[in-house]
Amino acid sequence: MNKSNDLQQAYQIAILAKEQFFPDETFFHVFEYYDQIRRISLNGKSRIITLELSKLEKVVEKPVEEMDVKEYWAIFFKYLNDKNRRGKINEIIDLFDNPVGYRTS
């Protein structure tokens, strides 16, 4: 009996910091567990998420208002201790303190 329908959403997040791992330009990848031999799926309830921090050069140049949540987190992890990017990190933190739609002028 397959109990995967009873499984709650579970995520494993791998932060790849040193060099490019996948051959594409995308920094964010999602994989689902699947047993190929027994043909058993967890119905998308357990995933591995990878963030390739080496691929963020273009993303960090975007205005924070144009970034999505995946980009916020990736930029945060890559540049948290980079004094040259402190302003960008502070902008991201400010967005979480004052979410869009709730900002005061």
C-alpha atoms as a PDB file:
ATOM      1  CA  MET A   1       0.000   0.000   0.000  1.00  0.00           C
ATOM      2  CA  ASN A   2       1.366   3.425  -0.997  1.00  0.00           C
ATOM      3  CA  LYS A   3       1.120   5.838   1.919  1.00  0.00           C
ATOM      4  CA  SER A   4       2.635   8.756  -0.019  1.00  0.00           C
ATOM      5  CA  ASN A   5      -0.746  10.521   0.006  1.00  0.00           C
ATOM      6  CA  ASP A   6      -0.393  10.814   3.797  1.00  0.00           C
ATOM      7  CA  LEU A   7       3.040  12.409   3.482  1.00  0.00           C
ATOM      8  CA  GLN A   8       3.277  16.125   4.285  1.00  0.00           C
ATOM      9  CA  GLN A   9       5.233  18.449   1.998  1.00  0.00           C
ATOM     10  CA  ALA A  10       8.961  18.064   2.697  1.00  0.00           C
ATOM     11  CA  TYR A  11      11.896  19.920   1.167  1.00  0.00           C
ATOM     12  CA  GLN A  12      15.637  19.461   1.184  1.00  0.00           C
ATOM     13  CA  ILE A  13      17.485  22.627   0.194  1.00  0.00           C
ATOM     14  CA  ALA A  14      21.011  22.351  -1.184  1.00  0.00           C
ATOM     15  CA  ILE A  15      22.981  25.586  -1.452  1.00  0.00           C
ATOM     16  CA  LEU A  16      25.787  25.136  -3.970  1.00  0.00           C
ATOM     17  CA  ALA A  17      28.195  27.982  -3.290  1.00  0.00           C
ATOM     18  CA  LYS A  18      31.512  27.370  -5.010  1.00  0.00           C
ATOM     19  CA  GLU A  19      31.098  26.639  -8.705  1.00  0.00           C
ATOM     20  CA  GLN A  20      28.536  25.936 -11.387  1.00  0.00           C
ATOM     21  CA  PHE A  21      27.049  22.457 -10.994  1.00  0.00           C
ATOM     22  CA  PHE A  22      24.383  22.234 -13.710  1.00  0.00           C
ATOM     23  CA  PRO A  23      25.236  23.188 -17.324  1.00  0.00           C
ATOM     24  CA  ASP A  24      22.418  25.732 -17.762  1.00  0.00           C
ATOM     25  CA  GLU A  25      22.004  29.380 -16.743  1.00  0.00           C
ATOM     26  CA  THR A  26      19.289  28.745 -14.137  1.00  0.00           C
ATOM     27  CA  PHE A  27      20.261  29.097 -10.465  1.00  0.00           C
ATOM     28  CA  PHE A  28      17.131  27.354  -9.117  1.00  0.00           C
ATOM     29  CA  HIS A  29      16.321  23.668  -9.730  1.00  0.00           C
ATOM     30  CA  VAL A  30      13.662  21.404  -8.176  1.00  0.00           C
ATOM     31  CA  PHE A  31      13.838  17.615  -8.204  1.00  0.00           C
ATOM     32  CA  GLU A  32      11.257  15.116  -7.011  1.00  0.00           C
ATOM     33  CA  TYR A  33      12.000  11.754  -5.467  1.00  0.00           C
ATOM     34  CA  TYR A  34      11.128   8.765  -7.625  1.00  0.00           C
ATOM     35  CA  ASP A  35      12.177   5.116  -7.291  1.00  0.00           C
ATOM     36  CA  GLN A  36      12.811   4.072 -10.914  1.00  0.00           C
ATOM     37  CA  ILE A  37      13.227   0.366 -10.182  1.00  0.00           C
ATOM     38  CA  ARG A  38       9.967  -0.025  -8.277  1.00  0.00           C
ATOM     39  CA  ARG A  39       8.218   2.866 -10.079  1.00  0.00           C
ATOM     40  CA  ILE A  40       7.189   4.506  -6.847  1.00  0.00           C
ATOM     41  CA  SER A  41       6.583   8.234  -6.671  1.00  0.00           C
ATOM     42  CA  LEU A  42       6.020  10.387  -3.614  1.00  0.00           C
ATOM     43  CA  ASN A  43       3.544  12.398  -5.682  1.00  0.00           C
ATOM     44  CA  GLY A  44       5.637  15.566  -5.537  1.00  0.00           C
ATOM     45  CA  LYS A  45       5.457  15.742  -1.741  1.00  0.00           C
ATOM     46  CA  SER A  46       9.206  15.454  -1.183  1.00  0.00           C
ATOM     47  CA  ARG A  47      11.560  17.635  -3.182  1.00  0.00           C
ATOM     48  CA  ILE A  48      15.187  18.603  -3.426  1.00  0.00           C
ATOM     49  CA  ILE A  49      15.713  22.290  -4.196  1.00  0.00           C
ATOM     50  CA  THR A  50      19.118  23.502  -5.326  1.00  0.00           C
ATOM     51  CA  LEU A  51      20.355  27.089  -5.348  1.00  0.00           C
ATOM     52  CA  GLU A  52      23.490  27.650  -7.412  1.00  0.00           C
ATOM     53  CA  LEU A  53      24.951  30.814  -5.956  1.00  0.00           C
ATOM     54  CA  SER A  54      27.613  31.088  -8.682  1.00  0.00           C
ATOM     55  CA  LYS A  55      24.882  32.022 -11.198  1.00  0.00           C
ATOM     56  CA  LEU A  56      23.598  35.188  -9.512  1.00  0.00           C
ATOM     57  CA  GLU A  57      25.648  37.905 -11.235  1.00  0.00           C
ATOM     58  CA  LYS A  58      22.692  39.080 -13.369  1.00  0.00           C
ATOM     59  CA  VAL A  59      20.113  38.603 -10.622  1.00  0.00           C
ATOM     60  CA  VAL A  60      21.939  40.784  -8.094  1.00  0.00           C
ATOM     61  CA  GLU A  61      21.871  43.673 -10.570  1.00  0.00           C
ATOM     62  CA  LYS A  62      18.065  43.625 -10.786  1.00  0.00           C
ATOM     63  CA  PRO A  63      16.080  46.116  -8.723  1.00  0.00           C
ATOM     64  CA  VAL A  64      14.771  44.362  -5.610  1.00  0.00           C
ATOM     65  CA  GLU A  65      11.200  45.245  -6.586  1.00  0.00           C
ATOM     66  CA  GLU A  66      11.577  43.092  -9.716  1.00  0.00           C
ATOM     67  CA  MET A  67      12.936  40.022  -7.881  1.00  0.00           C
ATOM     68  CA  ASP A  68      10.880  37.030  -6.841  1.00  0.00           C
ATOM     69  CA  VAL A  69      11.150  35.231  -3.501  1.00  0.00           C
ATOM     70  CA  LYS A  70      13.615  32.622  -4.829  1.00  0.00           C
ATOM     71  CA  GLU A  71      15.888  35.433  -5.969  1.00  0.00           C
ATOM     72  CA  TYR A  72      15.644  37.204  -2.576  1.00  0.00           C
ATOM     73  CA  TRP A  73      16.784  34.104  -0.729  1.00  0.00           C
ATOM     74  CA  ALA A  74      19.560  33.265  -3.179  1.00  0.00           C
ATOM     75  CA  ILE A  75      20.918  36.837  -3.061  1.00  0.00           C
ATOM     76  CA  PHE A  76      20.646  36.827   0.729  1.00  0.00           C
ATOM     77  CA  PHE A  77      22.679  33.599   1.054  1.00  0.00           C
ATOM     78  CA  LYS A  78      25.314  34.627  -1.487  1.00  0.00           C
ATOM     79  CA  TYR A  79      25.913  38.223  -0.406  1.00  0.00           C
ATOM     80  CA  LEU A  80      25.020  38.349   3.290  1.00  0.00           C
ATOM     81  CA  ASN A  81      28.608  39.025   4.372  1.00  0.00           C
ATOM     82  CA  ASP A  82      29.667  41.010   1.294  1.00  0.00           C
ATOM     83  CA  LYS A  83      30.110  44.627   2.428  1.00  0.00           C
ATOM     84  CA  ASN A  84      29.816  45.825  -1.198  1.00  0.00           C
ATOM     85  CA  ARG A  85      26.295  44.328  -1.408  1.00  0.00           C
ATOM     86  CA  ARG A  86      25.083  45.430   2.020  1.00  0.00           C
ATOM     87  CA  GLY A  87      22.670  47.925   0.470  1.00  0.00           C
ATOM     88  CA  LYS A  88      21.013  45.187  -1.610  1.00  0.00           C
ATOM     89  CA  ILE A  89      20.688  42.907   1.430  1.00  0.00           C
ATOM     90  CA  ASN A  90      19.147  45.762   3.430  1.00  0.00           C
ATOM     91  CA  GLU A  91      16.638  46.400   0.619  1.00  0.00           C
ATOM     92  CA  ILE A  92      15.587  42.738   0.720  1.00  0.00           C
ATOM     93  CA  ILE A  93      15.259  42.806   4.504  1.00  0.00           C
ATOM     94  CA  ASP A  94      13.174  45.991   4.232  1.00  0.00           C
ATOM     95  CA  LEU A  95      10.803  44.247   1.816  1.00  0.00           C
ATOM     96  CA  PHE A  96      10.165  41.524   4.382  1.00  0.00           C
ATOM     97  CA  ASP A  97       9.686  44.097   7.135  1.00  0.00           C
ATOM     98  CA  ASN A  98       7.299  46.125   4.931  1.00  0.00           C
ATOM     99  CA  PRO A  99       5.780  43.770   2.313  1.00  0.00           C
ATOM    100  CA  VAL A 100       4.525  45.243  -0.959  1.00  0.00           C
ATOM    101  CA  GLY A 101       1.034  46.567  -0.428  1.00  0.00           C
ATOM    102  CA  TYR A 102       1.814  47.369   3.207  1.00  0.00           C
ATOM    103  CA  ARG A 103       4.632  49.834   2.613  1.00  0.00           C
ATOM    104  CA  THR A 104       4.390  53.222   4.164  1.00  0.00           C
ATOM    105  CA  SER A 105       5.568  56.231   2.204  1.00  0.00           C
END
